[in-house]
Structures are given as structure tokens and as C-alpha cells.
Amino acid sequence: MKRYLLWGSLAALAVVLLFAGVVTGAEKTYQFTGTVKAVEGATFTVEKSAKEVWTFSADKDTKGTPKVGDKVTVYYKMVATEIEAKPAAAAKPKAPKK
């Protein structure tokens, strides 16, 4: 009886861990490395090269504090805040072949 209880508990734990991994793994994360060029309130600018400069926003859940001149790696997620949809153009009917 104890053996069945142990195996049942392990199976339930495995299912919970698998589900948790699927849910948290849904959002892809990205990273950007460069030198902090400016910090203004909750936004900061990171320069990777002369042609590649990005501005990031930080919130209360952001770990770390950027300082001008520091080399940093920023880990971020792309999250849509609004989607404006327009109807797709109707397909034109093809002319019959003669």
C-alpha cells in the first residue's frame, strides 16, 4: 500500500513539474549586451555599436540597476501591449484561361 502511495505521489509531482515547465517556458527571452549610455528615470539606453542603440524600460520587478558606463547584458521579453487589426484584403478572382 505504501509503495502505491509513493509511486502515485511521484507521478503527480512529475505531472505538476511538467505542466509548470510548459507554462513558464511559453515566453521566449532575449538578451542584448552593450554599454549603458544614458539613464533617465525608469528608462536606460544601451549601445552595442554606433549603429545599434536600444532603449529599455524597467519596472518594479526588474533586477539590477544600470549605471552610465557599465557594460550590461539586458534580458528581456517581447510582449504585445495592444493589437490593432485591419481586415485582410479580399483576394481577386483569377481570370479564366482561354
PDB file of N, CA and C in Angstrom:
ATOM      1  N   MET A   1       0.826  -1.198   0.000  1.00  0.00           N
ATOM      2  CA  MET A   1       0.000   0.000   0.000  1.00  0.00           C
ATOM      3  C   MET A   1       0.868   1.258   0.000  1.00  0.00           C
ATOM      4  N   LYS A   2       1.929   1.242   0.826  1.00  0.00           N
ATOM      5  CA  LYS A   2       2.806   2.394   0.880  1.00  0.00           C
ATOM      6  C   LYS A   2       3.515   2.609  -0.460  1.00  0.00           C
ATOM      7  N   ARG A   3       3.829   1.493  -1.130  1.00  0.00           N
ATOM      8  CA  ARG A   3       4.514   1.576  -2.412  1.00  0.00           C
ATOM      9  C   ARG A   3       3.621   2.297  -3.437  1.00  0.00           C
ATOM     10  N   TYR A   4       2.324   1.968  -3.479  1.00  0.00           N
ATOM     11  CA  TYR A   4       1.401   2.622  -4.408  1.00  0.00           C
ATOM     12  C   TYR A   4       1.263   4.114  -4.097  1.00  0.00           C
ATOM     13  N   LEU A   5       1.229   4.446  -2.820  1.00  0.00           N
ATOM     14  CA  LEU A   5       1.122   5.841  -2.412  1.00  0.00           C
ATOM     15  C   LEU A   5       2.370   6.618  -2.835  1.00  0.00           C
ATOM     16  N   LEU A   6       3.534   6.015  -2.669  1.00  0.00           N
ATOM     17  CA  LEU A   6       4.783   6.660  -3.056  1.00  0.00           C
ATOM     18  C   LEU A   6       4.832   6.885  -4.570  1.00  0.00           C
ATOM     19  N   TRP A   7       4.515   5.855  -5.362  1.00  0.00           N
ATOM     20  CA  TRP A   7       4.545   5.978  -6.812  1.00  0.00           C
ATOM     21  C   TRP A   7       3.481   6.961  -7.311  1.00  0.00           C
ATOM     22  N   GLY A   8       2.338   6.943  -6.689  1.00  0.00           N
ATOM     23  CA  GLY A   8       1.279   7.893  -7.069  1.00  0.00           C
ATOM     24  C   GLY A   8       1.695   9.325  -6.785  1.00  0.00           C
ATOM     25  N   SER A   9       2.342   9.548  -5.648  1.00  0.00           N
ATOM     26  CA  SER A   9       2.817  10.893  -5.309  1.00  0.00           C
ATOM     27  C   SER A   9       3.894  11.349  -6.283  1.00  0.00           C
ATOM     28  N   LEU A  10       4.817  10.459  -6.623  1.00  0.00           N
ATOM     29  CA  LEU A  10       5.870  10.808  -7.574  1.00  0.00           C
ATOM     30  C   LEU A  10       5.302  11.113  -8.960  1.00  0.00           C
ATOM     31  N   ALA A  11       4.316  10.341  -9.379  1.00  0.00           N
ATOM     32  CA  ALA A  11       3.690  10.581 -10.680  1.00  0.00           C
ATOM     33  C   ALA A  11       2.971  11.933 -10.685  1.00  0.00           C
ATOM     34  N   ALA A  12       2.268  12.260  -9.620  1.00  0.00           N
ATOM     35  CA  ALA A  12       1.566  13.538  -9.523  1.00  0.00           C
ATOM     36  C   ALA A  12       2.561  14.701  -9.532  1.00  0.00           C
ATOM     37  N   LEU A  13       3.671  14.544  -8.833  1.00  0.00           N
ATOM     38  CA  LEU A  13       4.695  15.574  -8.806  1.00  0.00           C
ATOM     39  C   LEU A  13       5.296  15.773 -10.196  1.00  0.00           C
ATOM     40  N   ALA A  14       5.534  14.696 -10.912  1.00  0.00           N
ATOM     41  CA  ALA A  14       6.087  14.782 -12.265  1.00  0.00           C
ATOM     42  C   ALA A  14       5.134  15.531 -13.195  1.00  0.00           C
ATOM     43  N   VAL A  15       3.850  15.264 -13.082  1.00  0.00           N
ATOM     44  CA  VAL A  15       2.855  15.947 -13.919  1.00  0.00           C
ATOM     45  C   VAL A  15       2.828  17.443 -13.596  1.00  0.00           C
ATOM     46  N   VAL A  16       2.880  17.790 -12.330  1.00  0.00           N
ATOM     47  CA  VAL A  16       2.868  19.202 -11.928  1.00  0.00           C
ATOM     48  C   VAL A  16       4.114  19.914 -12.450  1.00  0.00           C
ATOM     49  N   LEU A  17       5.287  19.291 -12.315  1.00  0.00           N
ATOM     50  CA  LEU A  17       6.521  19.907 -12.801  1.00  0.00           C
ATOM     51  C   LEU A  17       6.522  20.046 -14.316  1.00  0.00           C
ATOM     52  N   LEU A  18       6.002  19.069 -15.012  1.00  0.00           N
ATOM     53  CA  LEU A  18       5.921  19.140 -16.471  1.00  0.00           C
ATOM     54  C   LEU A  18       5.013  20.283 -16.898  1.00  0.00           C
ATOM     55  N   PHE A  19       3.857  20.397 -16.262  1.00  0.00           N
ATOM     56  CA  PHE A  19       2.918  21.473 -16.585  1.00  0.00           C
ATOM     57  C   PHE A  19       3.524  22.834 -16.273  1.00  0.00           C
ATOM     58  N   ALA A  20       4.207  22.962 -15.153  1.00  0.00           N
ATOM     59  CA  ALA A  20       4.831  24.233 -14.776  1.00  0.00           C
ATOM     60  C   ALA A  20       5.895  24.616 -15.796  1.00  0.00           C
ATOM     61  N   GLY A  21       6.648  23.663 -16.288  1.00  0.00           N
ATOM     62  CA  GLY A  21       7.665  23.939 -17.299  1.00  0.00           C
ATOM     63  C   GLY A  21       7.068  24.402 -18.601  1.00  0.00           C
ATOM     64  N   VAL A  22       5.946  23.831 -18.991  1.00  0.00           N
ATOM     65  CA  VAL A  22       5.285  24.226 -20.234  1.00  0.00           C
ATOM     66  C   VAL A  22       4.734  25.639 -20.115  1.00  0.00           C
ATOM     67  N   VAL A  23       4.131  25.977 -18.984  1.00  0.00           N
ATOM     68  CA  VAL A  23       3.528  27.287 -18.799  1.00  0.00           C
ATOM     69  C   VAL A  23       4.591  28.374 -18.733  1.00  0.00           C
ATOM     70  N   THR A  24       5.654  28.170 -17.966  1.00  0.00           N
ATOM     71  CA  THR A  24       6.669  29.206 -17.829  1.00  0.00           C
ATOM     72  C   THR A  24       7.571  29.287 -19.041  1.00  0.00           C
ATOM     73  N   GLY A  25       7.690  28.223 -19.805  1.00  0.00           N
ATOM     74  CA  GLY A  25       8.550  28.226 -20.974  1.00  0.00           C
ATOM     75  C   GLY A  25       7.887  28.814 -22.204  1.00  0.00           C
ATOM     76  N   ALA A  26       6.664  29.281 -22.078  1.00  0.00           N
ATOM     77  CA  ALA A  26       5.935  29.790 -23.238  1.00  0.00           C
ATOM     78  C   ALA A  26       6.496  31.121 -23.733  1.00  0.00           C
ATOM     79  N   GLU A  27       7.008  31.953 -22.850  1.00  0.00           N
ATOM     80  CA  GLU A  27       7.540  33.246 -23.243  1.00  0.00           C
ATOM     81  C   GLU A  27       9.027  33.117 -23.540  1.00  0.00           C
ATOM     82  N   LYS A  28       9.416  33.468 -24.743  1.00  0.00           N
ATOM     83  CA  LYS A  28      10.816  33.398 -25.123  1.00  0.00           C
ATOM     84  C   LYS A  28      11.539  34.632 -24.598  1.00  0.00           C
ATOM     85  N   THR A  29      12.749  34.444 -24.093  1.00  0.00           N
ATOM     86  CA  THR A  29      13.541  35.566 -23.622  1.00  0.00           C
ATOM     87  C   THR A  29      14.687  35.834 -24.584  1.00  0.00           C
ATOM     88  N   TYR A  30      15.108  37.079 -24.623  1.00  0.00           N
ATOM     89  CA  TYR A  30      16.183  37.527 -25.483  1.00  0.00           C
ATOM     90  C   TYR A  30      17.195  38.272 -24.627  1.00  0.00           C
ATOM     91  N   GLN A  31      18.374  38.569 -25.198  1.00  0.00           N
ATOM     92  CA  GLN A  31      19.350  39.362 -24.459  1.00  0.00           C
ATOM     93  C   GLN A  31      20.057  40.343 -25.390  1.00  0.00           C
ATOM     94  N   PHE A  32      20.515  41.433 -24.811  1.00  0.00           N
ATOM     95  CA  PHE A  32      21.218  42.484 -25.548  1.00  0.00           C
ATOM     96  C   PHE A  32      22.356  42.956 -24.665  1.00  0.00           C
ATOM     97  N   THR A  33      23.579  42.949 -25.189  1.00  0.00           N
ATOM     98  CA  THR A  33      24.752  43.327 -24.414  1.00  0.00           C
ATOM     99  C   THR A  33      25.381  44.577 -25.009  1.00  0.00           C
ATOM    100  N   GLY A  34      25.758  45.497 -24.146  1.00  0.00           N
ATOM    101  CA  GLY A  34      26.410  46.718 -24.591  1.00  0.00           C
ATOM    102  C   GLY A  34      26.751  47.607 -23.412  1.00  0.00           C
ATOM    103  N   THR A  35      27.072  48.853 -23.699  1.00  0.00           N
ATOM    104  CA  THR A  35      27.461  49.826 -22.681  1.00  0.00           C
ATOM    105  C   THR A  35      26.310  50.789 -22.427  1.00  0.00           C
ATOM    106  N   VAL A  36      26.022  51.048 -21.156  1.00  0.00           N
ATOM    107  CA  VAL A  36      24.950  51.971 -20.788  1.00  0.00           C
ATOM    108  C   VAL A  36      25.400  53.388 -21.132  1.00  0.00           C
ATOM    109  N   LYS A  37      24.624  54.077 -21.964  1.00  0.00           N
ATOM    110  CA  LYS A  37      24.957  55.433 -22.394  1.00  0.00           C
ATOM    111  C   LYS A  37      24.153  56.494 -21.659  1.00  0.00           C
ATOM    112  N   ALA A  38      22.930  56.164 -21.222  1.00  0.00           N
ATOM    113  CA  ALA A  38      22.093  57.139 -20.522  1.00  0.00           C
ATOM    114  C   ALA A  38      21.105  56.415 -19.615  1.00  0.00           C
ATOM    115  N   VAL A  39      20.800  57.051 -18.492  1.00  0.00           N
ATOM    116  CA  VAL A  39      19.780  56.550 -17.571  1.00  0.00           C
ATOM    117  C   VAL A  39      18.893  57.735 -17.216  1.00  0.00           C
ATOM    118  N   GLU A  40      17.601  57.611 -17.503  1.00  0.00           N
ATOM    119  CA  GLU A  40      16.636  58.668 -17.203  1.00  0.00           C
ATOM    120  C   GLU A  40      15.414  58.045 -16.563  1.00  0.00           C
ATOM    121  N   GLY A  41      15.316  58.152 -15.263  1.00  0.00           N
ATOM    122  CA  GLY A  41      14.179  57.571 -14.551  1.00  0.00           C
ATOM    123  C   GLY A  41      14.144  56.071 -14.730  1.00  0.00           C
ATOM    124  N   ALA A  42      13.049  55.563 -15.288  1.00  0.00           N
ATOM    125  CA  ALA A  42      12.873  54.116 -15.459  1.00  0.00           C
ATOM    126  C   ALA A  42      13.317  53.629 -16.837  1.00  0.00           C
ATOM    127  N   THR A  43      13.953  54.501 -17.636  1.00  0.00           N
ATOM    128  CA  THR A  43      14.441  54.074 -18.945  1.00  0.00           C
ATOM    129  C   THR A  43      15.956  54.215 -18.993  1.00  0.00           C
ATOM    130  N   PHE A  44      16.576  53.379 -19.790  1.00  0.00           N
ATOM    131  CA  PHE A  44      18.022  53.466 -19.973  1.00  0.00           C
ATOM    132  C   PHE A  44      18.368  53.043 -21.391  1.00  0.00           C
ATOM    133  N   THR A  45      19.465  53.582 -21.895  1.00  0.00           N
ATOM    134  CA  THR A  45      19.895  53.344 -23.265  1.00  0.00           C
ATOM    135  C   THR A  45      21.188  52.549 -23.257  1.00  0.00           C
ATOM    136  N   VAL A  46      21.228  51.500 -24.088  1.00  0.00           N
ATOM    137  CA  VAL A  46      22.400  50.628 -24.178  1.00  0.00           C
ATOM    138  C   VAL A  46      22.905  50.657 -25.620  1.00  0.00           C
ATOM    139  N   GLU A  47      24.209  50.872 -25.788  1.00  0.00           N
ATOM    140  CA  GLU A  47      24.816  50.928 -27.110  1.00  0.00           C
ATOM    141  C   GLU A  47      25.681  49.693 -27.332  1.00  0.00           C
ATOM    142  N   LYS A  48      25.344  48.946 -28.376  1.00  0.00           N
ATOM    143  CA  LYS A  48      26.136  47.774 -28.760  1.00  0.00           C
ATOM    144  C   LYS A  48      27.215  48.191 -29.755  1.00  0.00           C
ATOM    145  N   SER A  49      26.841  49.048 -30.683  1.00  0.00           N
ATOM    146  CA  SER A  49      27.763  49.606 -31.674  1.00  0.00           C
ATOM    147  C   SER A  49      27.216  50.964 -32.066  1.00  0.00           C
ATOM    148  N   ALA A  50      27.955  51.672 -32.909  1.00  0.00           N
ATOM    149  CA  ALA A  50      27.493  53.002 -33.327  1.00  0.00           C
ATOM    150  C   ALA A  50      26.154  52.940 -34.054  1.00  0.00           C
ATOM    151  N   LYS A  51      25.873  51.803 -34.692  1.00  0.00           N
ATOM    152  CA  LYS A  51      24.618  51.653 -35.437  1.00  0.00           C
ATOM    153  C   LYS A  51      23.517  50.967 -34.649  1.00  0.00           C
ATOM    154  N   GLU A  52      23.850  50.420 -33.504  1.00  0.00           N
ATOM    155  CA  GLU A  52      22.854  49.649 -32.753  1.00  0.00           C
ATOM    156  C   GLU A  52      22.745  50.162 -31.319  1.00  0.00           C
ATOM    157  N   VAL A  53      21.731  50.989 -31.077  1.00  0.00           N
ATOM    158  CA  VAL A  53      21.470  51.566 -29.763  1.00  0.00           C
ATOM    159  C   VAL A  53      20.016  51.278 -29.417  1.00  0.00           C
ATOM    160  N   TRP A  54      19.785  50.671 -28.261  1.00  0.00           N
ATOM    161  CA  TRP A  54      18.428  50.327 -27.838  1.00  0.00           C
ATOM    162  C   TRP A  54      18.091  51.038 -26.534  1.00  0.00           C
ATOM    163  N   THR A  55      16.809  51.356 -26.371  1.00  0.00           N
ATOM    164  CA  THR A  55      16.311  51.943 -25.136  1.00  0.00           C
ATOM    165  C   THR A  55      15.364  50.950 -24.479  1.00  0.00           C
ATOM    166  N   PHE A  56      15.574  50.727 -23.195  1.00  0.00           N
ATOM    167  CA  PHE A  56      14.769  49.776 -22.424  1.00  0.00           C
ATOM    168  C   PHE A  56      14.035  50.506 -21.312  1.00  0.00           C
ATOM    169  N   SER A  57      12.902  49.947 -20.895  1.00  0.00           N
ATOM    170  CA  SER A  57      12.165  50.431 -19.731  1.00  0.00           C
ATOM    171  C   SER A  57      12.304  49.404 -18.624  1.00  0.00           C
ATOM    172  N   ALA A  58      12.418  49.868 -17.401  1.00  0.00           N
ATOM    173  CA  ALA A  58      12.494  48.991 -16.242  1.00  0.00           C
ATOM    174  C   ALA A  58      11.266  49.244 -15.373  1.00  0.00           C
ATOM    175  N   ASP A  59      10.830  48.205 -14.656  1.00  0.00           N
ATOM    176  CA  ASP A  59       9.721  48.379 -13.719  1.00  0.00           C
ATOM    177  C   ASP A  59      10.136  47.853 -12.353  1.00  0.00           C
ATOM    178  N   LYS A  60       9.182  47.756 -11.446  1.00  0.00           N
ATOM    179  CA  LYS A  60       9.493  47.347 -10.077  1.00  0.00           C
ATOM    180  C   LYS A  60      10.035  45.924  -9.985  1.00  0.00           C
ATOM    181  N   ASP A  61       9.765  45.087 -10.984  1.00  0.00           N
ATOM    182  CA  ASP A  61      10.224  43.705 -10.957  1.00  0.00           C
ATOM    183  C   ASP A  61      11.589  43.510 -11.622  1.00  0.00           C
ATOM    184  N   THR A  62      12.156  44.566 -12.212  1.00  0.00           N
ATOM    185  CA  THR A  62      13.444  44.458 -12.884  1.00  0.00           C
ATOM    186  C   THR A  62      14.550  44.315 -11.849  1.00  0.00           C
ATOM    187  N   LYS A  63      15.410  43.315 -12.053  1.00  0.00           N
ATOM    188  CA  LYS A  63      16.533  43.093 -11.140  1.00  0.00           C
ATOM    189  C   LYS A  63      17.744  43.859 -11.652  1.00  0.00           C
ATOM    190  N   GLY A  64      18.456  44.516 -10.771  1.00  0.00           N
ATOM    191  CA  GLY A  64      19.658  45.246 -11.139  1.00  0.00           C
ATOM    192  C   GLY A  64      19.375  46.700 -11.450  1.00  0.00           C
ATOM    193  N   THR A  65      20.424  47.517 -11.349  1.00  0.00           N
ATOM    194  CA  THR A  65      20.315  48.938 -11.625  1.00  0.00           C
ATOM    195  C   THR A  65      21.427  49.334 -12.581  1.00  0.00           C
ATOM    196  N   PRO A  66      21.083  49.822 -13.767  1.00  0.00           N
ATOM    197  CA  PRO A  66      22.131  50.217 -14.715  1.00  0.00           C
ATOM    198  C   PRO A  66      22.748  51.558 -14.329  1.00  0.00           C
ATOM    199  N   LYS A  67      24.044  51.698 -14.578  1.00  0.00           N
ATOM    200  CA  LYS A  67      24.746  52.960 -14.353  1.00  0.00           C
ATOM    201  C   LYS A  67      25.489  53.316 -15.623  1.00  0.00           C
ATOM    202  N   VAL A  68      25.529  54.594 -15.954  1.00  0.00           N
ATOM    203  CA  VAL A  68      26.202  55.054 -17.169  1.00  0.00           C
ATOM    204  C   VAL A  68      27.646  54.558 -17.166  1.00  0.00           C
ATOM    205  N   GLY A  69      28.063  53.973 -18.289  1.00  0.00           N
ATOM    206  CA  GLY A  69      29.419  53.469 -18.435  1.00  0.00           C
ATOM    207  C   GLY A  69      29.563  51.983 -18.165  1.00  0.00           C
ATOM    208  N   ASP A  70      28.602  51.382 -17.467  1.00  0.00           N
ATOM    209  CA  ASP A  70      28.663  49.949 -17.172  1.00  0.00           C
ATOM    210  C   ASP A  70      28.420  49.136 -18.431  1.00  0.00           C
ATOM    211  N   LYS A  71      29.129  48.009 -18.556  1.00  0.00           N
ATOM    212  CA  LYS A  71      28.806  47.045 -19.616  1.00  0.00           C
ATOM    213  C   LYS A  71      27.758  46.112 -19.020  1.00  0.00           C
ATOM    214  N   VAL A  72      26.617  45.993 -19.698  1.00  0.00           N
ATOM    215  CA  VAL A  72      25.499  45.221 -19.159  1.00  0.00           C
ATOM    216  C   VAL A  72      24.976  44.230 -20.196  1.00  0.00           C
ATOM    217  N   THR A  73      24.334  43.201 -19.699  1.00  0.00           N
ATOM    218  CA  THR A  73      23.540  42.308 -20.536  1.00  0.00           C
ATOM    219  C   THR A  73      22.110  42.433 -20.042  1.00  0.00           C
ATOM    220  N   VAL A  74      21.226  42.857 -20.933  1.00  0.00           N
ATOM    221  CA  VAL A  74      19.818  43.054 -20.594  1.00  0.00           C
ATOM    222  C   VAL A  74      19.047  41.840 -21.092  1.00  0.00           C
ATOM    223  N   TYR A  75      18.313  41.203 -20.207  1.00  0.00           N
ATOM    224  CA  TYR A  75      17.445  40.079 -20.564  1.00  0.00           C
ATOM    225  C   TYR A  75      16.031  40.619 -20.646  1.00  0.00           C
ATOM    226  N   TYR A  76      15.357  40.358 -21.765  1.00  0.00           N
ATOM    227  CA  TYR A  76      14.033  40.942 -21.970  1.00  0.00           C
ATOM    228  C   TYR A  76      13.125  39.972 -22.710  1.00  0.00           C
ATOM    229  N   LYS A  77      11.826  40.276 -22.678  1.00  0.00           N
ATOM    230  CA  LYS A  77      10.796  39.514 -23.386  1.00  0.00           C
ATOM    231  C   LYS A  77      10.022  40.484 -24.262  1.00  0.00           C
ATOM    232  N   MET A  78       9.585  40.001 -25.404  1.00  0.00           N
ATOM    233  CA  MET A  78       8.735  40.835 -26.260  1.00  0.00           C
ATOM    234  C   MET A  78       7.280  40.544 -25.895  1.00  0.00           C
ATOM    235  N   VAL A  79       6.589  41.579 -25.446  1.00  0.00           N
ATOM    236  CA  VAL A  79       5.205  41.419 -25.011  1.00  0.00           C
ATOM    237  C   VAL A  79       4.344  42.462 -25.727  1.00  0.00           C
ATOM    238  N   ALA A  80       3.312  42.007 -26.379  1.00  0.00           N
ATOM    239  CA  ALA A  80       2.396  42.928 -27.056  1.00  0.00           C
ATOM    240  C   ALA A  80       1.554  43.660 -26.017  1.00  0.00           C
ATOM    241  N   THR A  81       1.413  44.966 -26.174  1.00  0.00           N
ATOM    242  CA  THR A  81       0.570  45.742 -25.268  1.00  0.00           C
ATOM    243  C   THR A  81      -0.742  46.142 -25.917  1.00  0.00           C
ATOM    244  N   GLU A  82      -0.778  46.129 -27.253  1.00  0.00           N
ATOM    245  CA  GLU A  82      -2.007  46.451 -27.980  1.00  0.00           C
ATOM    246  C   GLU A  82      -1.879  45.898 -29.391  1.00  0.00           C
ATOM    247  N   ILE A  83      -2.979  45.419 -29.915  1.00  0.00           N
ATOM    248  CA  ILE A  83      -3.000  44.904 -31.282  1.00  0.00           C
ATOM    249  C   ILE A  83      -4.134  45.596 -32.021  1.00  0.00           C
ATOM    250  N   GLU A  84      -3.785  46.284 -33.090  1.00  0.00           N
ATOM    251  CA  GLU A  84      -4.785  46.937 -33.929  1.00  0.00           C
ATOM    252  C   GLU A  84      -4.862  46.132 -35.223  1.00  0.00           C
ATOM    253  N   ALA A  85      -5.991  45.500 -35.455  1.00  0.00           N
ATOM    254  CA  ALA A  85      -6.147  44.644 -36.630  1.00  0.00           C
ATOM    255  C   ALA A  85      -6.953  45.349 -37.700  1.00  0.00           C
ATOM    256  N   LYS A  86      -6.561  45.115 -38.942  1.00  0.00           N
ATOM    257  CA  LYS A  86      -7.308  45.627 -40.084  1.00  0.00           C
ATOM    258  C   LYS A  86      -7.692  44.423 -40.923  1.00  0.00           C
ATOM    259  N   PRO A  87      -8.875  44.438 -41.524  1.00  0.00           N
ATOM    260  CA  PRO A  87      -9.301  43.285 -42.309  1.00  0.00           C
ATOM    261  C   PRO A  87      -8.337  43.029 -43.468  1.00  0.00           C
ATOM    262  N   ALA A  88      -8.122  41.771 -43.757  1.00  0.00           N
ATOM    263  CA  ALA A  88      -7.265  41.400 -44.878  1.00  0.00           C
ATOM    264  C   ALA A  88      -7.943  41.777 -46.179  1.00  0.00           C
ATOM    265  N   ALA A  89      -7.139  42.141 -47.154  1.00  0.00           N
ATOM    266  CA  ALA A  89      -7.693  42.492 -48.460  1.00  0.00           C
ATOM    267  C   ALA A  89      -8.303  41.247 -49.093  1.00  0.00           C
ATOM    268  N   ALA A  90      -9.446  41.425 -49.734  1.00  0.00           N
ATOM    269  CA  ALA A  90     -10.109  40.288 -50.377  1.00  0.00           C
ATOM    270  C   ALA A  90      -9.302  39.853 -51.587  1.00  0.00           C
ATOM    271  N   ALA A  91      -9.189  38.559 -51.769  1.00  0.00           N
ATOM    272  CA  ALA A  91      -8.420  38.033 -52.901  1.00  0.00           C
ATOM    273  C   ALA A  91      -9.208  38.279 -54.185  1.00  0.00           C
ATOM    274  N   LYS A  92      -8.477  38.697 -55.218  1.00  0.00           N
ATOM    275  CA  LYS A  92      -9.129  38.945 -56.509  1.00  0.00           C
ATOM    276  C   LYS A  92      -9.316  37.609 -57.210  1.00  0.00           C
ATOM    277  N   PRO A  93     -10.491  37.386 -57.810  1.00  0.00           N
ATOM    278  CA  PRO A  93     -10.705  36.141 -58.513  1.00  0.00           C
ATOM    279  C   PRO A  93      -9.810  36.072 -59.763  1.00  0.00           C
ATOM    280  N   LYS A  94      -9.289  34.901 -60.034  1.00  0.00           N
ATOM    281  CA  LYS A  94      -8.427  34.715 -61.205  1.00  0.00           C
ATOM    282  C   LYS A  94      -9.280  34.692 -62.466  1.00  0.00           C
ATOM    283  N   ALA A  95      -8.744  35.287 -63.509  1.00  0.00           N
ATOM    284  CA  ALA A  95      -9.445  35.270 -64.794  1.00  0.00           C
ATOM    285  C   ALA A  95      -9.350  33.873 -65.388  1.00  0.00           C
ATOM    286  N   PRO A  96     -10.439  33.365 -65.960  1.00  0.00           N
ATOM    287  CA  PRO A  96     -10.404  32.024 -66.534  1.00  0.00           C
ATOM    288  C   PRO A  96      -9.478  31.976 -67.751  1.00  0.00           C
ATOM    289  N   LYS A  97      -8.808  30.855 -67.920  1.00  0.00           N
ATOM    290  CA  LYS A  97      -7.905  30.675 -69.070  1.00  0.00           C
ATOM    291  C   LYS A  97      -8.736  30.412 -70.321  1.00  0.00           C
ATOM    292  N   LYS A  98      -8.277  30.913 -71.434  1.00  0.00           N
ATOM    293  CA  LYS A  98      -8.992  30.715 -72.699  1.00  0.00           C
ATOM    294  C   LYS A  98      -8.319  29.671 -73.529  1.00  0.00           C
TER     295      LYS A  98
END
